[in-house]
Protein backbone atom coordinates (compact mmCIF):
# COMPACT_ATOMS: atom_id res chain seq x y z
CA MET A 1 35.00 5.97 -17.05
CA ARG A 2 34.85 5.93 -13.26
CA THR A 3 33.85 2.86 -11.21
CA ARG A 4 31.24 3.34 -8.94
CA PHE A 5 31.80 1.12 -5.90
CA GLY A 6 30.79 2.75 -2.97
CA VAL A 7 28.24 5.78 -4.18
CA VAL A 8 24.69 5.74 -5.33
CA GLY A 9 23.97 9.52 -6.38
CA ALA A 10 25.16 11.48 -3.38
CA LEU A 11 23.83 8.82 -0.96
CA ALA A 12 26.86 6.91 0.00
CA LEU A 13 25.42 3.55 -0.42
CA THR A 14 27.79 0.87 0.10
CA MET A 15 27.94 -1.65 -2.91
CA ALA A 16 29.10 -4.60 -2.39
CA LEU A 17 30.24 -5.92 -6.24
CA ALA A 18 30.51 -9.97 -4.41
CA LEU A 19 27.43 -11.59 -3.36
CA GLY A 20 29.02 -14.17 -1.59
CA GLY A 21 26.08 -16.78 -1.37
CA CYS A 22 23.87 -15.45 -4.01
CA GLY A 23 21.74 -13.72 -0.90
CA ALA A 24 23.54 -10.60 -0.05
CA ALA A 25 20.28 -8.71 0.65
CA GLY A 26 18.89 -11.52 2.44
CA SER A 27 20.18 -13.95 5.20
CA ASP A 28 20.63 -17.57 5.67
CA ASP A 29 19.42 -17.96 9.16
CA GLY A 30 16.24 -19.87 8.27
CA ALA A 31 18.20 -22.74 9.63
CA ASP A 32 16.86 -25.74 11.67
CA ALA A 33 17.75 -27.14 14.84
CA GLY A 34 20.68 -29.40 12.79
CA GLY A 35 21.89 -25.99 11.54
CA ALA A 36 20.59 -26.42 7.56
CA PRO A 37 17.60 -24.44 6.74
CA ALA A 38 14.57 -27.13 6.10
CA LYS A 39 13.95 -27.95 2.34
CA GLY A 40 10.12 -27.99 1.23
CA GLY A 41 6.64 -26.85 2.80
CA ASP A 42 4.33 -24.79 2.15
CA LEU A 43 4.02 -21.34 3.71
CA THR A 44 0.52 -19.46 4.15
CA MET A 45 0.67 -16.02 4.72
CA ALA A 46 -2.89 -14.07 5.78
CA ARG A 47 -3.38 -10.35 5.04
CA SER A 48 -6.31 -7.81 4.96
CA ALA A 49 -6.80 -7.30 1.15
CA ASP A 50 -6.24 -8.95 -2.22
CA ILE A 51 -3.40 -7.98 -4.98
CA ILE A 52 -4.88 -5.52 -7.48
CA ALA A 53 -2.97 -6.56 -10.21
CA MET A 54 0.60 -8.28 -11.33
CA ASP A 55 1.55 -5.44 -13.89
CA LYS A 56 4.53 -4.01 -12.29
CA THR A 57 4.72 -0.70 -14.30
CA THR A 58 1.48 0.13 -13.15
CA THR A 59 0.07 -1.16 -10.26
CA PHE A 60 0.33 0.98 -6.72
CA ASP A 61 -0.48 -1.32 -4.37
CA ASN A 62 1.78 -2.88 -1.83
CA ASN A 63 -0.19 -6.32 -1.93
CA SER A 64 0.59 -6.86 -5.19
CA ILE A 65 4.26 -5.61 -5.18
CA ARG A 66 5.02 -8.03 -2.26
CA VAL A 67 3.99 -10.91 -4.41
CA MET A 68 5.85 -9.36 -7.82
CA GLU A 69 9.11 -9.04 -6.18
CA GLN A 70 9.28 -13.15 -5.74
CA ILE A 71 8.60 -13.02 -9.32
CA MET A 72 10.44 -10.80 -11.14
CA GLU A 73 13.78 -9.26 -9.92
CA PRO A 74 15.84 -6.01 -10.52
CA LEU A 75 19.25 -5.30 -11.31
CA PHE A 76 20.06 -3.93 -8.03
CA HIS A 77 18.41 -4.71 -4.64
CA ALA A 78 18.60 -2.94 -1.22
CA SER A 79 20.34 -4.82 1.56
CA ALA A 80 18.92 -6.60 4.92
CA ASP A 81 18.87 -3.04 6.66
CA GLY A 82 17.57 -1.07 3.76
CA THR A 83 20.89 1.25 3.55
CA LYS A 84 22.65 0.00 0.84
CA LEU A 85 22.42 -1.18 -2.84
CA GLU A 86 24.07 -4.59 -3.54
CA PRO A 87 23.96 -5.93 -7.09
CA TRP A 88 21.29 -8.30 -8.13
CA LEU A 89 21.19 -9.13 -11.45
CA ALA A 90 23.90 -7.15 -12.24
CA THR A 91 27.52 -7.52 -10.97
CA GLY A 92 28.27 -3.91 -10.44
CA TYR A 93 28.17 -0.69 -12.68
CA THR A 94 31.12 2.14 -14.22
CA ILE A 95 29.81 5.83 -14.61
CA SER A 96 31.31 8.23 -17.29
CA ASP A 97 33.16 11.32 -15.82
CA ASP A 98 30.13 13.26 -16.83
CA GLN A 99 27.39 11.27 -15.32
CA LEU A 100 25.64 10.55 -18.08
CA THR A 101 26.70 7.01 -18.89
CA TYR A 102 26.23 4.04 -16.71
CA THR A 103 27.67 0.73 -18.23
CA ILE A 104 25.96 -2.49 -16.11
CA PRO A 105 27.42 -5.93 -16.47
CA LEU A 106 24.97 -8.71 -15.62
CA ARG A 107 25.48 -12.30 -14.15
CA THR A 108 25.83 -14.70 -16.77
CA ASP A 109 24.44 -17.71 -14.56
CA VAL A 110 20.97 -16.52 -14.41
CA THR A 111 17.83 -18.03 -16.25
CA PHE A 112 14.24 -17.04 -16.39
CA SER A 113 11.78 -19.69 -14.98
CA ASN A 114 11.09 -21.49 -18.29
CA GLY A 115 14.46 -21.81 -18.94
CA THR A 116 15.57 -19.15 -21.18
CA PRO A 117 19.04 -17.49 -20.33
CA MET A 118 18.28 -13.75 -19.44
CA THR A 119 20.36 -11.26 -21.52
CA ALA A 120 20.96 -7.88 -22.06
CA LYS A 121 18.18 -7.67 -24.52
CA ASP A 122 15.80 -8.50 -21.62
CA VAL A 123 16.92 -5.98 -19.42
CA LYS A 124 16.48 -3.00 -22.00
CA PHE A 125 13.08 -4.22 -22.95
CA SER A 126 11.61 -4.50 -19.21
CA ILE A 127 13.25 -0.79 -18.59
CA ASP A 128 11.76 0.66 -21.71
CA GLU A 129 8.44 -0.92 -20.88
CA ASN A 130 8.25 0.81 -17.40
CA THR A 131 9.72 4.18 -18.77
CA LYS A 132 6.96 4.00 -21.48
CA THR A 133 3.81 4.37 -19.19
CA GLY A 134 5.44 7.86 -17.83
CA ALA A 135 3.03 9.65 -15.50
CA GLU A 136 0.24 7.01 -16.17
CA GLY A 137 2.47 4.40 -14.02
CA TRP A 138 5.98 3.84 -12.33
CA GLY A 139 7.98 5.43 -15.21
CA PHE A 140 8.64 8.63 -13.71
CA VAL A 141 11.42 7.03 -11.89
CA ASN A 142 13.06 6.80 -15.22
CA ALA A 143 12.44 10.08 -16.11
CA ALA A 144 16.01 10.64 -16.43
CA ILE A 145 16.89 7.88 -19.08
CA ASP A 146 17.77 8.99 -22.59
CA THR A 147 18.42 5.31 -24.29
CA VAL A 148 19.27 1.77 -23.09
CA THR A 149 21.28 -0.33 -25.23
CA ALA A 150 21.98 -3.86 -25.19
CA THR A 151 25.78 -3.36 -25.80
CA ASP A 152 26.56 -7.56 -25.87
CA ASP A 153 24.82 -10.28 -24.24
CA HIS A 154 25.67 -9.70 -20.85
CA THR A 155 26.44 -5.49 -20.82
CA VAL A 156 23.71 -2.64 -20.75
CA THR A 157 24.59 0.78 -20.92
CA VAL A 158 22.24 3.32 -19.99
CA LYS A 159 22.38 7.01 -21.13
CA LEU A 160 20.85 9.83 -19.30
CA LYS A 161 19.77 12.73 -20.37
CA TYR A 162 21.22 14.65 -17.56
CA PRO A 163 22.91 13.97 -14.39
CA TRP A 164 20.35 11.72 -12.18
CA ALA A 165 21.46 11.05 -8.63
CA PRO A 166 19.11 8.13 -7.83
CA LEU A 167 19.66 6.25 -11.17
CA ILE A 168 20.76 2.71 -9.50
CA ALA A 169 18.32 3.42 -6.57
CA ASP A 170 15.60 3.84 -9.14
CA LEU A 171 17.18 0.53 -11.03
CA SER A 172 16.35 -1.57 -7.62
CA ILE A 173 12.98 -0.85 -7.66
CA PHE A 174 10.22 -3.77 -8.54
CA SER A 175 8.81 -1.98 -11.68
CA ASN A 176 12.59 -2.15 -13.48
CA GLY A 177 12.55 -5.92 -12.85
CA VAL A 178 13.81 -8.42 -15.42
CA VAL A 179 10.97 -9.92 -17.83
CA PRO A 180 11.22 -11.60 -21.13
CA GLU A 181 12.16 -9.51 -24.35
CA GLY A 182 8.84 -9.04 -26.11
CA TYR A 183 6.84 -10.81 -23.13
CA GLY A 184 7.77 -13.98 -24.65
CA GLY A 185 5.80 -13.60 -27.59
CA LYS A 186 2.42 -12.51 -25.73
CA THR A 187 0.87 -9.13 -25.26
CA ALA A 188 1.44 -7.50 -21.89
CA GLU A 189 -2.15 -8.45 -20.72
CA GLU A 190 -1.69 -11.90 -21.47
CA PHE A 191 1.70 -11.84 -19.91
CA TYR A 192 0.78 -10.50 -16.32
CA THR A 193 -2.15 -13.02 -16.15
CA ALA A 194 0.92 -15.29 -15.03
CA PRO A 195 3.89 -13.46 -15.38
CA VAL A 196 7.73 -14.93 -15.51
CA GLY A 197 10.53 -13.69 -14.21
CA THR A 198 13.96 -14.53 -13.08
CA GLY A 199 12.61 -15.00 -9.11
CA PRO A 200 12.68 -17.52 -6.77
CA PHE A 201 8.81 -18.49 -7.08
CA VAL A 202 6.90 -18.85 -9.95
CA TRP A 203 2.93 -18.01 -10.58
CA ASP A 204 0.55 -20.68 -9.82
CA GLY A 205 -3.01 -19.26 -9.47
CA TRP A 206 -4.62 -16.93 -8.08
CA LYS A 207 -8.61 -17.16 -6.57
CA LYS A 208 -9.79 -13.47 -6.86
CA GLY A 209 -10.61 -12.22 -3.48
CA GLN A 210 -9.71 -15.62 -1.73
CA SER A 211 -5.74 -16.12 -1.98
CA LEU A 212 -3.02 -16.37 -4.49
CA LYS A 213 -0.36 -19.14 -4.89
CA LEU A 214 3.22 -19.24 -6.05
CA THR A 215 5.80 -22.47 -6.41
CA ALA A 216 9.46 -23.16 -6.14
CA ASN A 217 11.40 -21.80 -8.99
CA GLU A 218 13.30 -25.01 -9.66
CA LYS A 219 15.90 -23.22 -12.13
CA TYR A 220 16.50 -20.48 -9.57
CA TRP A 221 20.00 -18.91 -10.10
CA GLN A 222 20.31 -18.84 -6.10
CA LYS A 223 21.60 -22.60 -5.80
CA GLY A 224 19.39 -24.23 -3.28
CA LYS A 225 16.98 -21.81 -2.84
CA PRO A 226 14.04 -21.35 -2.54
CA TYR A 227 14.01 -23.78 0.54
CA LEU A 228 9.77 -23.66 0.41
CA SER A 229 7.88 -25.51 -1.99
CA SER A 230 5.23 -22.71 -2.30
CA VAL A 231 4.29 -19.88 -0.46
CA GLN A 232 0.12 -18.65 -0.61
CA TRP A 233 -1.29 -15.54 0.60
CA ASN A 234 -4.92 -15.82 1.52
CA VAL A 235 -7.36 -12.69 2.31
CA VAL A 236 -8.40 -12.48 5.54
CA PRO A 237 -10.13 -8.90 5.96
CA ASP A 238 -10.79 -9.04 9.71
CA ALA A 239 -7.44 -8.56 12.04
CA ASN A 240 -9.01 -10.62 14.83
CA THR A 241 -9.34 -13.66 12.33
CA ARG A 242 -5.69 -13.46 11.00
CA LYS A 243 -4.82 -13.53 14.79
CA LEU A 244 -6.84 -16.45 15.66
CA GLN A 245 -5.74 -18.23 12.56
CA VAL A 246 -1.99 -17.78 13.48
CA GLN A 247 -2.47 -18.59 17.14
CA GLY A 248 -4.21 -22.06 16.04
CA GLY A 249 -1.36 -22.64 13.05
CA GLN A 250 -3.88 -22.65 10.42
CA ILE A 251 -1.48 -19.50 8.94
CA ASP A 252 2.10 -19.62 9.03
CA ILE A 253 2.15 -15.62 9.34
CA ASP A 254 -0.23 -12.51 10.05
CA ASP A 255 0.78 -9.67 7.66
CA THR A 256 -0.15 -6.83 9.92
CA PRO A 257 -1.43 -7.77 13.09
CA ASP A 258 -3.60 -4.76 15.03
CA TRP A 259 -1.39 -3.31 17.54
CA SER A 260 -3.86 -3.89 20.36
CA SER A 261 -3.46 -7.75 19.76
CA LEU A 262 0.69 -7.08 19.70
CA SER A 263 1.10 -8.02 23.56
CA SER A 264 -1.29 -11.09 23.39
CA LEU A 265 0.59 -12.71 20.51
CA LYS A 266 3.85 -11.99 22.12
CA ALA A 267 2.53 -14.31 25.12
CA SER A 268 1.43 -16.99 22.82
CA GLY A 269 3.80 -19.80 23.38
CA ASP A 270 3.74 -20.87 19.45
CA VAL A 271 3.87 -17.77 18.12
CA LYS A 272 6.67 -14.80 17.14
CA ALA A 273 5.18 -11.65 17.04
CA GLU A 274 7.82 -9.21 15.84
CA THR A 275 8.66 -5.72 14.61
CA PHE A 276 10.99 -4.56 11.89
CA PRO A 277 12.03 -0.79 11.74
CA SER A 278 10.15 1.06 8.60
CA THR A 279 10.13 3.93 6.41
CA GLN A 280 6.41 4.11 6.74
CA ILE A 281 4.19 7.01 7.18
CA ASP A 282 0.71 6.84 8.04
CA TYR A 283 -1.04 9.92 6.68
CA VAL A 284 -4.72 11.28 5.97
CA ALA A 285 -5.26 12.82 2.39
CA PHE A 286 -6.99 15.53 1.29
CA ASN A 287 -8.66 15.26 -2.22
CA GLN A 288 -8.07 18.62 -3.47
CA ALA A 289 -10.45 17.90 -6.47
CA ARG A 290 -13.40 18.23 -4.20
CA ALA A 291 -14.31 21.38 -2.15
CA PRO A 292 -13.35 22.43 0.30
CA PHE A 293 -10.02 20.21 0.53
CA ASP A 294 -8.58 22.76 -2.54
CA ASP A 295 -8.49 25.50 0.26
CA VAL A 296 -5.25 25.27 2.45
CA HIS A 297 -7.07 26.50 5.53
CA VAL A 298 -9.01 24.15 5.72
CA ARG A 299 -6.42 21.58 5.45
CA ARG A 300 -4.60 23.06 7.91
CA ALA A 301 -7.25 23.54 10.45
CA ILE A 302 -7.77 19.59 10.27
CA SER A 303 -4.02 19.07 10.88
CA TYR A 304 -3.70 21.11 13.50
CA ALA A 305 -7.00 19.53 15.27
CA ILE A 306 -5.48 15.94 15.13
CA ASP A 307 -3.36 14.70 18.20
CA ARG A 308 -0.40 13.01 17.19
CA GLU A 309 1.00 11.83 20.64
CA SER A 310 -2.60 10.39 21.33
CA LEU A 311 -2.62 8.59 18.36
CA VAL A 312 0.60 6.98 18.81
CA LYS A 313 -0.73 5.93 22.72
CA ALA A 314 -4.06 4.97 21.84
CA VAL A 315 -3.64 3.21 18.33
CA LEU A 316 -0.18 2.36 18.17
CA PHE A 317 -0.13 1.71 21.73
CA GLY A 318 3.58 3.23 21.94
CA ASN A 319 4.94 1.36 18.94
CA GLY A 320 5.90 4.58 16.78
CA GLU A 321 6.02 8.73 16.96
CA ALA A 322 4.08 11.26 16.27
CA ALA A 323 4.64 12.48 12.17
CA ASN A 324 6.21 15.94 11.40
CA SER A 325 7.19 15.96 8.06
CA LEU A 326 6.60 14.07 4.06
CA LEU A 327 9.78 12.12 5.10
CA SER A 328 10.23 9.60 7.54
CA PRO A 329 13.16 9.07 9.72
CA GLY A 330 14.50 6.33 7.96
CA THR A 331 14.25 8.19 4.58
CA PRO A 332 17.41 9.67 3.31
CA TYR A 333 17.04 13.63 4.21
CA TYR A 334 14.56 13.55 6.42
CA ASP A 335 14.34 16.80 8.72
CA LYS A 336 13.04 16.70 12.08
CA ASN A 337 12.35 20.49 12.11
CA ALA A 338 10.49 20.70 8.79
CA GLY A 339 7.21 21.99 10.43
CA GLY A 340 4.88 19.47 10.21
CA ALA A 341 1.74 20.46 12.13
CA THR A 342 1.35 19.71 15.83
CA PHE A 343 -1.84 19.26 17.79
CA ASP A 344 -2.98 23.15 18.58
CA VAL A 345 -6.66 23.60 18.76
CA ALA A 346 -6.77 27.25 18.85
CA LYS A 347 -4.74 27.48 15.30
CA ALA A 348 -7.49 24.78 14.16
CA LYS A 349 -10.29 27.11 14.97
CA ALA A 350 -7.99 30.08 13.57
CA GLU A 351 -7.16 28.40 10.13
CA LEU A 352 -11.04 27.58 9.75
CA ALA A 353 -12.34 30.77 10.29
CA GLN A 354 -9.98 32.15 7.45
CA SER A 355 -11.45 29.07 5.23
CA SER A 356 -13.95 29.26 2.89
CA LYS A 357 -16.40 27.37 5.11
CA PRO A 358 -15.59 29.52 8.48
CA ASP A 359 -18.83 28.08 9.90
CA GLY A 360 -17.78 24.52 9.44
CA PHE A 361 -18.54 21.62 7.02
CA THR A 362 -19.83 17.72 6.94
CA THR A 363 -17.21 15.60 5.18
CA THR A 364 -16.51 12.04 4.65
CA LEU A 365 -13.12 9.96 5.78
CA LEU A 366 -12.62 6.44 3.98
CA ILE A 367 -11.13 3.83 6.01
CA ALA A 368 -10.89 0.10 5.50
CA SER A 369 -13.29 -2.51 7.14
CA GLY A 370 -11.96 -4.74 9.73
CA ASN A 371 -8.92 -2.38 10.39
CA PRO A 372 -8.75 -1.78 14.09
CA ASN A 373 -6.24 0.86 13.60
CA GLN A 374 -7.73 2.91 11.00
CA ALA A 375 -11.15 2.87 13.21
CA SER A 376 -9.22 3.85 16.24
CA VAL A 377 -7.60 6.67 13.87
CA ALA A 378 -11.02 7.51 12.52
CA GLN A 379 -13.17 7.72 15.88
CA ILE A 380 -10.19 9.92 17.70
CA MET A 381 -10.38 12.45 14.51
CA GLN A 382 -14.16 12.52 14.55
CA SER A 383 -14.30 13.68 18.01
CA GLU A 384 -11.56 15.98 17.35
CA LEU A 385 -13.07 17.59 14.23
CA LYS A 386 -16.32 18.10 16.02
CA ASP A 387 -14.65 20.47 18.54
CA ILE A 388 -13.63 22.90 15.66
CA GLY A 389 -16.79 22.65 13.93
CA ILE A 390 -16.51 20.01 11.10
CA THR A 391 -19.07 17.20 11.10
CA MET A 392 -17.03 14.43 9.94
CA GLU A 393 -18.71 10.74 9.31
CA ILE A 394 -16.99 7.55 8.60
CA LYS A 395 -17.21 5.53 5.20
CA GLN A 396 -15.99 2.11 5.56
CA LEU A 397 -15.29 -0.36 2.46
CA ASP A 398 -13.95 -3.76 2.53
CA PRO A 399 -9.99 -3.69 2.06
CA THR A 400 -9.84 -4.43 -1.77
CA ALA A 401 -12.37 -2.17 -2.70
CA ASN A 402 -10.79 0.80 -0.27
CA LYS A 403 -7.96 0.18 -2.08
CA GLN A 404 -9.58 0.81 -5.46
CA ALA A 405 -11.42 3.90 -4.00
CA ARG A 406 -8.25 5.38 -2.84
CA LEU A 407 -6.47 4.69 -6.21
CA ALA A 408 -9.45 6.44 -8.32
CA SER A 409 -9.30 9.41 -5.84
CA ASP A 410 -12.75 8.73 -4.68
CA PHE A 411 -12.55 10.28 -1.52
CA ASP A 412 -12.88 13.54 0.39
CA MET A 413 -10.66 12.34 2.83
CA THR A 414 -8.68 9.05 3.44
CA ILE A 415 -6.24 7.38 5.76
CA SER A 416 -3.07 6.07 3.70
CA ALA A 417 0.29 4.84 4.46
CA TRP A 418 3.76 5.09 2.36
CA THR A 419 6.58 2.81 2.52
CA MET A 420 9.94 3.16 0.64
CA ASP A 421 10.67 1.03 -2.00
CA ILE A 422 14.14 2.12 -2.87
CA PRO A 423 16.74 4.05 -0.35
CA ASP A 424 16.25 7.42 -1.88
CA PRO A 425 13.61 10.01 -1.37
CA ASP A 426 12.70 10.93 -4.90
CA GLN A 427 10.66 7.69 -5.31
CA TRP A 428 8.14 9.07 -2.58
CA THR A 429 8.46 12.58 -3.22
CA SER A 430 7.92 12.29 -7.19
CA PHE A 431 4.98 10.18 -6.43
CA ALA A 432 3.63 12.93 -3.69
CA VAL A 433 4.24 16.29 -5.00
CA ASP A 434 4.45 16.05 -8.90
CA PRO A 435 1.37 15.71 -10.76
CA GLN A 436 3.27 13.96 -13.62
CA GLY A 437 4.72 11.24 -10.68
CA GLY A 438 2.33 8.46 -11.49
CA SER A 439 -0.54 9.27 -9.09
CA LYS A 440 -1.63 13.13 -9.40
CA SER A 441 0.38 13.46 -6.18
CA ALA A 442 -0.94 10.62 -4.31
CA PHE A 443 -3.96 10.93 -5.72
CA THR A 444 -4.94 14.24 -3.84
CA SER A 445 -4.48 16.45 -6.90
CA TYR A 446 -2.00 18.57 -5.24
CA ASP A 447 -0.06 20.66 -7.25
CA ASN A 448 2.21 23.27 -6.40
CA PRO A 449 4.56 24.23 -8.82
CA GLU A 450 7.12 25.75 -6.34
CA VAL A 451 7.36 22.27 -4.80
CA VAL A 452 7.46 20.48 -7.95
CA ALA A 453 10.57 22.45 -9.06
CA ILE A 454 12.56 21.95 -5.85
CA ASN A 455 11.90 17.89 -6.44
CA ALA A 456 13.17 18.16 -9.68
CA GLN A 457 16.46 19.94 -8.71
CA ALA A 458 16.76 17.62 -5.75
CA GLN A 459 16.84 14.87 -8.40
CA LYS A 460 19.54 16.14 -10.47
CA GLU A 461 21.96 17.17 -7.57
CA THR A 462 24.64 14.63 -6.81
CA ASP A 463 26.08 17.00 -3.86
CA SER A 464 24.58 15.15 -0.48
CA ALA A 465 24.96 18.40 1.34
CA LYS A 466 22.98 20.76 -1.45
CA ARG A 467 20.58 17.47 -1.94
CA GLN A 468 19.88 18.19 1.63
CA GLU A 469 18.90 21.70 1.45
CA LEU A 470 16.82 20.89 -1.28
CA TYR A 471 15.08 18.09 0.46
CA THR A 472 14.66 20.37 3.69
CA GLN A 473 13.00 23.23 1.62
CA LEU A 474 10.70 20.31 0.03
CA GLN A 475 9.98 19.04 3.37
CA GLN A 476 8.88 22.46 4.67
CA LYS A 477 7.22 23.77 2.02
CA THR A 478 4.83 20.93 1.86
CA SER A 479 4.25 21.21 5.64
CA GLU A 480 2.97 24.20 4.86
CA ASP A 481 0.43 23.45 2.01
CA ALA A 482 -0.91 20.74 4.74
CA PHE A 483 -1.35 18.56 1.67
CA LEU A 484 -1.44 15.78 3.78
CA ALA A 485 -1.92 15.30 7.15
CA TYR A 486 0.68 13.38 8.69
CA LEU A 487 -0.37 11.10 11.36
CA TYR A 488 2.25 8.68 12.67
CA TYR A 489 5.67 6.68 11.74
CA SER A 490 5.14 3.21 12.97
CA PRO A 491 7.62 -0.01 12.41
CA TYR A 492 6.22 -3.26 10.47
CA VAL A 493 4.61 -5.60 12.52
CA TYR A 494 4.27 -9.44 11.74
CA ALA A 495 3.22 -12.75 13.75
CA SER A 496 4.56 -16.05 12.72
CA THR A 497 4.34 -19.53 13.88
CA SER A 498 7.44 -20.77 15.37
CA LYS A 499 7.97 -23.33 12.40
CA VAL A 500 8.68 -20.16 10.10
CA GLN A 501 12.62 -19.54 9.99
CA GLY A 502 14.58 -16.63 8.33
CA PHE A 503 11.37 -14.47 7.80
CA HIS A 504 12.95 -10.80 7.77
CA VAL A 505 11.48 -7.64 6.49
CA THR A 506 13.51 -4.97 5.74
CA PRO A 507 12.73 -1.21 6.30
CA LEU A 508 11.92 -0.80 2.73
CA GLY A 509 8.82 -3.36 3.32
CA GLY A 510 9.87 -6.28 1.18
CA TYR A 511 11.13 -9.70 2.30
CA LEU A 512 13.05 -12.26 0.32
CA LEU A 513 11.08 -15.53 0.94
CA GLN A 514 13.51 -17.55 -0.88
CA ASP A 515 15.11 -17.21 2.34
CA VAL A 516 12.38 -18.63 4.69
CA SER A 517 12.17 -22.09 5.39
CA LYS A 518 9.60 -23.82 7.56
CA LYS A 519 10.46 -26.82 10.27
CA GLN A 520 8.45 -29.93 9.36
């Protein structure tokens, strides 16, 4: 057996086997003026859309995921800067010389919020339940797993079908978070109406379309945490209303204020507006199950017609950069020379002339109502597509209905975005290009067997240089296929009142609320 302390697959992700203060992936800077974080307090966040569901194995929605992550925890966790993987419910791992067997020791001081000790049987059950969902859920991330065995109460053995570079990264994803064996005697449906985990917060209640509340887990294994008594997410679809609420102190954090308000928020004395490095890519998705988007020339025409530099200026107010690849610069193996379309009206017209719709056509772009960023992109695109003979109508749905329509592939074109959940490209590339990757290729029905094969090869390749070659090929071919029209890369943006301390967003989009405190 070889002990692996510093390598996750071929990514050379540093692993710290000692968690120190039991909060290695977060920070302890939520201190008040006296040096210690304030204990107690109720944190209220506002965001545009509600959660979809709490089943971590089948839910593809960031708003839901951010809540899950406070309740159910994985074996490993990304560091605050998103570049390293650190032990969380695990204490480390060893890997056999043939790279097929991983032995993972667990912490011995962890209980679920109901007081039941966490054991290897719970871990086995949780991973197996995720794997079972296959292409219908997040099970695709566990595709290489052959068996998971509870070797003893505090050791798990994972055997693989073949070497799999991103395994430890995959075990850090929320969908492999640990829940009680057998769902604590409930059905999965019953369990996920009020999920139980080892995390810092406990399910309290959900008023659909209005708010969701969690309360502090008094049995949390990180001693002294969480600092907060409760966390509540309010659904406030309108960006300007959220801005006024954070300025007026009715909420503590505004999740993703629109870029046009960033400067005025920064000028507010009691509000801190921050941007955080991200792995986010915003894009237009084409539904290839609907003509004419099954025609690559149509997709290329639209991609060439979009002036991304203008979008960065007009929509992001300069806070970002034009996207040119399926991967973002913050994602391992990103290639800046991937060949993504750049603004070229002549090429756009030439592609449309070669297409099944040489004289143009009428189509619809789905966006979320109350979202100034998407509205601005849509209006600019509407004008740009008109210039090449395409009439684009804008369809707005409230943010929650918009998400449901996207998940159901009920659109011609739609604006969407992706953020990484693990520091390995496989999660996104499998989700985006593999029809068996849980989402019918990011809900587009894109299917290029050559690209699927490259992605599968990259999953199994453990040599970093060879993985780079494969992911470069993948980025080039997906750019040629134009199954998405890449828009821009942007940082995450949040606005909070001066009372909020220790709030940090990782490049993977997550935040650890056990590290957050609120001045009383």
